[in-house]
Amino acid sequence: MMKAAIIALILCIIEISVIVIASPMAKPSVVLRFLPKDVQEAAKGHPEPPKHKQMIAHILLAFFLLSILGGIVYIGIDGAKSGCGFRRLTGRFILMLYIMKAFDIIVQDQWLVMTVGFL
C-alpha cells in the first residue's frame, strides 16, 4: 500500500507541474472550454501563444497521460507480484484515486483557484 501512496503523490506532483507549466502555453480555446461561461467571456480576446509553445503544452499533456497510465500499470503489476488478492489490489487503486482526488480538492481547487487566483 505504501508504494501505491508514493506513486499517487508522484502523479500529483506531475499533475500540478503540467497544469502550472502547460496552461499558459496551451491554446486559449482548448483551456477555456472547461471553465464557466463568465470566465470564457472575460478571456475571449486572449492572444494565442506561438505554435512551439502549444506543442510543448501538448507534449506535457501526453507525458502526464502516459505517467497516469504507467502508474496504474505499475501498481497493478506490483500488487500481482506481491500476491495481493482482488480486494487488496482494488484497495491499492482506490487509495491511489482517493489521494489524487484529495490533492485535486485541496491544491487545485482551493490553492490554485481561490488563494493564488491562478485562473
N, C-alpha and C. Protein backbone atom coordinates (compact mmCIF):
# COMPACT_ATOMS: atom_id res chain seq x y z
N MET A 1 0.81 -1.20 0.00
CA MET A 1 0.00 0.00 0.00
C MET A 1 0.85 1.26 0.00
N MET A 2 2.03 1.17 0.61
CA MET A 2 2.90 2.34 0.67
C MET A 2 3.36 2.74 -0.73
N LYS A 3 3.65 1.76 -1.57
CA LYS A 3 4.06 2.08 -2.94
C LYS A 3 2.95 2.77 -3.70
N ALA A 4 1.72 2.35 -3.48
CA ALA A 4 0.58 2.98 -4.15
C ALA A 4 0.44 4.44 -3.72
N ALA A 5 0.65 4.71 -2.44
CA ALA A 5 0.57 6.09 -1.95
C ALA A 5 1.70 6.94 -2.53
N ILE A 6 2.89 6.37 -2.61
CA ILE A 6 4.03 7.11 -3.16
C ILE A 6 3.82 7.39 -4.65
N ILE A 7 3.35 6.39 -5.38
CA ILE A 7 3.06 6.59 -6.81
C ILE A 7 1.99 7.66 -6.98
N ALA A 8 0.95 7.64 -6.15
CA ALA A 8 -0.10 8.65 -6.24
C ALA A 8 0.45 10.04 -5.99
N LEU A 9 1.32 10.19 -5.01
CA LEU A 9 1.91 11.51 -4.73
C LEU A 9 2.81 11.98 -5.87
N ILE A 10 3.54 11.06 -6.47
CA ILE A 10 4.37 11.42 -7.63
C ILE A 10 3.48 11.88 -8.78
N LEU A 11 2.38 11.18 -9.01
CA LEU A 11 1.46 11.57 -10.07
C LEU A 11 0.82 12.93 -9.78
N CYS A 12 0.57 13.22 -8.51
CA CYS A 12 0.03 14.53 -8.14
C CYS A 12 1.02 15.64 -8.44
N ILE A 13 2.30 15.39 -8.16
CA ILE A 13 3.33 16.39 -8.45
C ILE A 13 3.45 16.62 -9.96
N ILE A 14 3.39 15.55 -10.72
CA ILE A 14 3.43 15.68 -12.18
C ILE A 14 2.21 16.46 -12.66
N GLU A 15 1.05 16.16 -12.09
CA GLU A 15 -0.18 16.82 -12.50
C GLU A 15 -0.13 18.32 -12.24
N ILE A 16 0.26 18.73 -11.06
CA ILE A 16 0.31 20.16 -10.75
C ILE A 16 1.37 20.86 -11.60
N SER A 17 2.47 20.18 -11.86
CA SER A 17 3.51 20.77 -12.71
C SER A 17 2.99 21.00 -14.12
N VAL A 18 2.30 20.03 -14.65
CA VAL A 18 1.76 20.18 -16.01
C VAL A 18 0.71 21.28 -16.05
N ILE A 19 -0.12 21.37 -15.03
CA ILE A 19 -1.14 22.42 -15.01
C ILE A 19 -0.50 23.80 -14.97
N VAL A 20 0.48 23.98 -14.11
CA VAL A 20 1.10 25.30 -13.97
C VAL A 20 1.94 25.66 -15.19
N ILE A 21 2.65 24.69 -15.76
CA ILE A 21 3.53 24.97 -16.89
C ILE A 21 2.77 25.03 -18.21
N ALA A 22 1.88 24.07 -18.44
CA ALA A 22 1.26 23.94 -19.76
C ALA A 22 0.06 24.87 -19.97
N SER A 23 -0.63 25.25 -18.91
CA SER A 23 -1.82 26.09 -19.09
C SER A 23 -1.55 27.40 -19.81
N PRO A 24 -0.52 28.15 -19.45
CA PRO A 24 -0.27 29.39 -20.19
C PRO A 24 0.20 29.16 -21.63
N MET A 25 0.73 27.98 -21.92
CA MET A 25 1.23 27.70 -23.27
C MET A 25 0.20 27.08 -24.19
N ALA A 26 -0.92 26.64 -23.64
CA ALA A 26 -1.93 25.98 -24.46
C ALA A 26 -2.79 27.01 -25.18
N LYS A 27 -3.44 26.56 -26.20
CA LYS A 27 -4.35 27.41 -26.97
C LYS A 27 -5.53 27.80 -26.06
N PRO A 28 -5.86 29.08 -25.98
CA PRO A 28 -6.92 29.50 -25.06
C PRO A 28 -8.26 28.80 -25.30
N SER A 29 -8.61 28.53 -26.53
CA SER A 29 -9.89 27.88 -26.78
C SER A 29 -9.93 26.47 -26.20
N VAL A 30 -8.78 25.82 -26.10
CA VAL A 30 -8.73 24.48 -25.52
C VAL A 30 -8.86 24.56 -24.00
N VAL A 31 -8.15 25.49 -23.39
CA VAL A 31 -8.16 25.61 -21.93
C VAL A 31 -9.49 26.16 -21.44
N LEU A 32 -10.03 27.14 -22.15
CA LEU A 32 -11.23 27.83 -21.68
C LEU A 32 -12.51 27.02 -21.80
N ARG A 33 -12.55 26.02 -22.64
CA ARG A 33 -13.82 25.31 -22.83
C ARG A 33 -14.22 24.50 -21.60
N PHE A 34 -13.30 24.30 -20.65
CA PHE A 34 -13.62 23.58 -19.42
C PHE A 34 -14.07 24.51 -18.30
N LEU A 35 -13.97 25.81 -18.51
CA LEU A 35 -14.25 26.79 -17.47
C LEU A 35 -15.67 27.34 -17.61
N PRO A 36 -16.18 28.01 -16.57
CA PRO A 36 -17.52 28.60 -16.64
C PRO A 36 -17.63 29.66 -17.73
N LYS A 37 -18.87 29.91 -18.14
CA LYS A 37 -19.12 30.85 -19.25
C LYS A 37 -18.60 32.26 -18.98
N ASP A 38 -18.71 32.74 -17.75
CA ASP A 38 -18.24 34.10 -17.46
C ASP A 38 -16.73 34.23 -17.61
N VAL A 39 -16.00 33.18 -17.26
CA VAL A 39 -14.55 33.18 -17.44
C VAL A 39 -14.22 33.11 -18.93
N GLN A 40 -14.97 32.32 -19.67
CA GLN A 40 -14.77 32.23 -21.12
C GLN A 40 -14.97 33.58 -21.78
N GLU A 41 -16.00 34.30 -21.38
CA GLU A 41 -16.28 35.61 -21.97
C GLU A 41 -15.18 36.62 -21.62
N ALA A 42 -14.70 36.58 -20.39
CA ALA A 42 -13.67 37.54 -19.96
C ALA A 42 -12.35 37.30 -20.67
N ALA A 43 -12.06 36.07 -21.04
CA ALA A 43 -10.77 35.75 -21.65
C ALA A 43 -10.87 35.52 -23.15
N LYS A 44 -11.95 35.96 -23.76
CA LYS A 44 -12.14 35.73 -25.19
C LYS A 44 -11.07 36.37 -26.06
N GLY A 45 -10.61 37.54 -25.69
CA GLY A 45 -9.63 38.26 -26.50
C GLY A 45 -8.19 37.89 -26.19
N HIS A 46 -7.98 36.86 -25.41
CA HIS A 46 -6.62 36.46 -25.04
C HIS A 46 -5.87 35.95 -26.28
N PRO A 47 -4.69 36.47 -26.55
CA PRO A 47 -3.96 36.04 -27.75
C PRO A 47 -3.45 34.60 -27.64
N GLU A 48 -3.33 33.96 -28.78
CA GLU A 48 -2.79 32.60 -28.82
C GLU A 48 -1.28 32.63 -28.66
N PRO A 49 -0.72 31.69 -27.91
CA PRO A 49 0.74 31.61 -27.83
C PRO A 49 1.30 31.05 -29.14
N PRO A 50 2.59 31.21 -29.36
CA PRO A 50 3.20 30.66 -30.58
C PRO A 50 3.01 29.14 -30.66
N LYS A 51 3.12 28.63 -31.87
CA LYS A 51 2.89 27.19 -32.11
C LYS A 51 3.87 26.31 -31.33
N HIS A 52 5.12 26.74 -31.17
CA HIS A 52 6.08 25.89 -30.46
C HIS A 52 5.69 25.76 -28.98
N LYS A 53 5.12 26.81 -28.40
CA LYS A 53 4.65 26.70 -27.02
C LYS A 53 3.43 25.79 -26.92
N GLN A 54 2.57 25.86 -27.92
CA GLN A 54 1.41 24.97 -27.93
C GLN A 54 1.84 23.51 -28.05
N MET A 55 2.88 23.26 -28.82
CA MET A 55 3.38 21.89 -28.96
C MET A 55 3.99 21.39 -27.65
N ILE A 56 4.70 22.28 -26.95
CA ILE A 56 5.25 21.90 -25.65
C ILE A 56 4.12 21.54 -24.69
N ALA A 57 3.05 22.32 -24.70
CA ALA A 57 1.90 22.04 -23.84
C ALA A 57 1.28 20.68 -24.17
N HIS A 58 1.17 20.37 -25.46
CA HIS A 58 0.61 19.07 -25.87
C HIS A 58 1.54 17.92 -25.47
N ILE A 59 2.83 18.13 -25.58
CA ILE A 59 3.80 17.10 -25.17
C ILE A 59 3.72 16.87 -23.66
N LEU A 60 3.60 17.95 -22.89
CA LEU A 60 3.46 17.80 -21.44
C LEU A 60 2.17 17.07 -21.08
N LEU A 61 1.10 17.37 -21.79
CA LEU A 61 -0.16 16.67 -21.55
C LEU A 61 -0.03 15.18 -21.86
N ALA A 62 0.62 14.86 -22.97
CA ALA A 62 0.84 13.44 -23.32
C ALA A 62 1.71 12.76 -22.27
N PHE A 63 2.73 13.46 -21.78
CA PHE A 63 3.58 12.90 -20.72
C PHE A 63 2.76 12.62 -19.46
N PHE A 64 1.88 13.55 -19.11
CA PHE A 64 1.03 13.35 -17.94
C PHE A 64 0.12 12.15 -18.12
N LEU A 65 -0.51 12.04 -19.26
CA LEU A 65 -1.41 10.91 -19.51
C LEU A 65 -0.67 9.58 -19.49
N LEU A 66 0.52 9.57 -20.08
CA LEU A 66 1.33 8.34 -20.05
C LEU A 66 1.80 8.01 -18.64
N SER A 67 2.10 9.03 -17.84
CA SER A 67 2.52 8.76 -16.47
C SER A 67 1.37 8.21 -15.63
N ILE A 68 0.16 8.71 -15.85
CA ILE A 68 -1.01 8.16 -15.15
C ILE A 68 -1.20 6.70 -15.53
N LEU A 69 -1.14 6.42 -16.81
CA LEU A 69 -1.29 5.04 -17.27
C LEU A 69 -0.17 4.16 -16.72
N GLY A 70 1.05 4.67 -16.74
CA GLY A 70 2.19 3.92 -16.20
C GLY A 70 2.04 3.67 -14.71
N GLY A 71 1.54 4.66 -13.97
CA GLY A 71 1.32 4.48 -12.54
C GLY A 71 0.28 3.42 -12.24
N ILE A 72 -0.79 3.40 -13.02
CA ILE A 72 -1.83 2.39 -12.85
C ILE A 72 -1.28 1.00 -13.14
N VAL A 73 -0.55 0.88 -14.25
CA VAL A 73 0.03 -0.41 -14.61
C VAL A 73 1.05 -0.86 -13.56
N TYR A 74 1.88 0.06 -13.08
CA TYR A 74 2.89 -0.29 -12.07
C TYR A 74 2.23 -0.78 -10.78
N ILE A 75 1.20 -0.08 -10.34
CA ILE A 75 0.51 -0.50 -9.11
C ILE A 75 -0.11 -1.89 -9.30
N GLY A 76 -0.68 -2.14 -10.47
CA GLY A 76 -1.26 -3.46 -10.73
C GLY A 76 -0.22 -4.56 -10.77
N ILE A 77 0.88 -4.33 -11.47
CA ILE A 77 1.93 -5.34 -11.58
C ILE A 77 2.59 -5.58 -10.22
N ASP A 78 2.86 -4.51 -9.48
CA ASP A 78 3.46 -4.66 -8.16
C ASP A 78 2.54 -5.42 -7.21
N GLY A 79 1.26 -5.13 -7.30
CA GLY A 79 0.30 -5.85 -6.46
C GLY A 79 0.22 -7.33 -6.82
N ALA A 80 0.28 -7.63 -8.10
CA ALA A 80 0.24 -9.03 -8.52
C ALA A 80 1.51 -9.77 -8.10
N LYS A 81 2.65 -9.09 -8.19
CA LYS A 81 3.92 -9.72 -7.78
C LYS A 81 3.97 -9.97 -6.27
N SER A 82 3.36 -9.08 -5.50
CA SER A 82 3.41 -9.25 -4.05
C SER A 82 2.27 -10.11 -3.53
N GLY A 83 1.51 -10.73 -4.42
CA GLY A 83 0.49 -11.69 -4.03
C GLY A 83 -0.80 -11.09 -3.51
N CYS A 84 -1.12 -9.90 -3.92
CA CYS A 84 -2.37 -9.28 -3.49
C CYS A 84 -3.55 -9.99 -4.13
N GLY A 85 -4.59 -10.18 -3.35
CA GLY A 85 -5.83 -10.70 -3.89
C GLY A 85 -6.62 -9.57 -4.53
N PHE A 86 -7.83 -9.91 -4.95
CA PHE A 86 -8.66 -8.91 -5.62
C PHE A 86 -8.96 -7.73 -4.71
N ARG A 87 -9.30 -7.99 -3.46
CA ARG A 87 -9.66 -6.91 -2.53
C ARG A 87 -8.47 -5.99 -2.24
N ARG A 88 -7.32 -6.55 -1.99
CA ARG A 88 -6.14 -5.73 -1.70
C ARG A 88 -5.71 -4.94 -2.92
N LEU A 89 -5.79 -5.55 -4.09
CA LEU A 89 -5.43 -4.86 -5.33
C LEU A 89 -6.41 -3.71 -5.60
N THR A 90 -7.69 -3.98 -5.38
CA THR A 90 -8.70 -2.93 -5.53
C THR A 90 -8.44 -1.81 -4.52
N GLY A 91 -8.06 -2.18 -3.31
CA GLY A 91 -7.74 -1.18 -2.29
C GLY A 91 -6.58 -0.29 -2.70
N ARG A 92 -5.59 -0.86 -3.37
CA ARG A 92 -4.46 -0.05 -3.86
C ARG A 92 -4.93 1.00 -4.87
N PHE A 93 -5.77 0.57 -5.81
CA PHE A 93 -6.26 1.51 -6.81
C PHE A 93 -7.15 2.58 -6.18
N ILE A 94 -7.99 2.18 -5.25
CA ILE A 94 -8.85 3.15 -4.57
C ILE A 94 -8.02 4.14 -3.77
N LEU A 95 -6.99 3.64 -3.09
CA LEU A 95 -6.10 4.53 -2.34
C LEU A 95 -5.45 5.55 -3.27
N MET A 96 -4.96 5.09 -4.42
CA MET A 96 -4.33 5.99 -5.37
C MET A 96 -5.34 7.06 -5.84
N LEU A 97 -6.54 6.63 -6.18
CA LEU A 97 -7.53 7.58 -6.67
C LEU A 97 -8.00 8.55 -5.58
N TYR A 98 -8.12 8.08 -4.34
CA TYR A 98 -8.50 8.98 -3.25
C TYR A 98 -7.42 10.01 -2.96
N ILE A 99 -6.18 9.60 -3.00
CA ILE A 99 -5.08 10.56 -2.79
C ILE A 99 -5.09 11.61 -3.89
N MET A 100 -5.27 11.16 -5.13
CA MET A 100 -5.28 12.12 -6.25
C MET A 100 -6.50 13.04 -6.15
N LYS A 101 -7.64 12.54 -5.72
CA LYS A 101 -8.84 13.38 -5.60
C LYS A 101 -8.68 14.37 -4.46
N ALA A 102 -8.10 13.94 -3.34
CA ALA A 102 -7.85 14.86 -2.22
C ALA A 102 -6.89 15.96 -2.65
N PHE A 103 -5.88 15.60 -3.41
CA PHE A 103 -4.94 16.59 -3.93
C PHE A 103 -5.65 17.57 -4.85
N ASP A 104 -6.56 17.07 -5.66
CA ASP A 104 -7.33 17.92 -6.57
C ASP A 104 -8.17 18.92 -5.78
N ILE A 105 -8.83 18.45 -4.74
CA ILE A 105 -9.69 19.34 -3.96
C ILE A 105 -8.87 20.35 -3.17
N ILE A 106 -7.82 19.89 -2.52
CA ILE A 106 -7.05 20.77 -1.64
C ILE A 106 -6.16 21.72 -2.41
N VAL A 107 -5.40 21.21 -3.37
CA VAL A 107 -4.42 22.04 -4.05
C VAL A 107 -5.02 22.75 -5.26
N GLN A 108 -5.60 21.98 -6.16
CA GLN A 108 -6.04 22.62 -7.39
C GLN A 108 -7.23 23.54 -7.17
N ASP A 109 -8.24 23.07 -6.47
CA ASP A 109 -9.42 23.90 -6.28
C ASP A 109 -9.19 25.02 -5.27
N GLN A 110 -8.66 24.67 -4.13
CA GLN A 110 -8.51 25.66 -3.07
C GLN A 110 -7.32 26.59 -3.30
N TRP A 111 -6.15 26.01 -3.46
CA TRP A 111 -4.95 26.83 -3.53
C TRP A 111 -4.82 27.56 -4.87
N LEU A 112 -4.93 26.82 -5.98
CA LEU A 112 -4.72 27.47 -7.28
C LEU A 112 -5.82 28.46 -7.62
N VAL A 113 -7.07 28.10 -7.40
CA VAL A 113 -8.17 28.96 -7.84
C VAL A 113 -8.50 30.01 -6.80
N MET A 114 -8.65 29.59 -5.55
CA MET A 114 -9.13 30.53 -4.52
C MET A 114 -8.02 31.41 -3.95
N THR A 115 -6.92 30.84 -3.57
CA THR A 115 -5.88 31.59 -2.87
C THR A 115 -4.97 32.35 -3.83
N VAL A 116 -4.42 31.65 -4.81
CA VAL A 116 -3.44 32.27 -5.70
C VAL A 116 -4.13 33.04 -6.82
N GLY A 117 -5.34 32.66 -7.19
CA GLY A 117 -6.03 33.30 -8.30
C GLY A 117 -5.39 32.95 -9.63
N PHE A 118 -5.00 31.68 -9.77
CA PHE A 118 -4.27 31.22 -10.95
C PHE A 118 -5.07 31.46 -12.23
N LEU A 119 -6.37 31.26 -12.19
CA LEU A 119 -7.18 31.45 -13.39
C LEU A 119 -7.51 32.86 -13.53
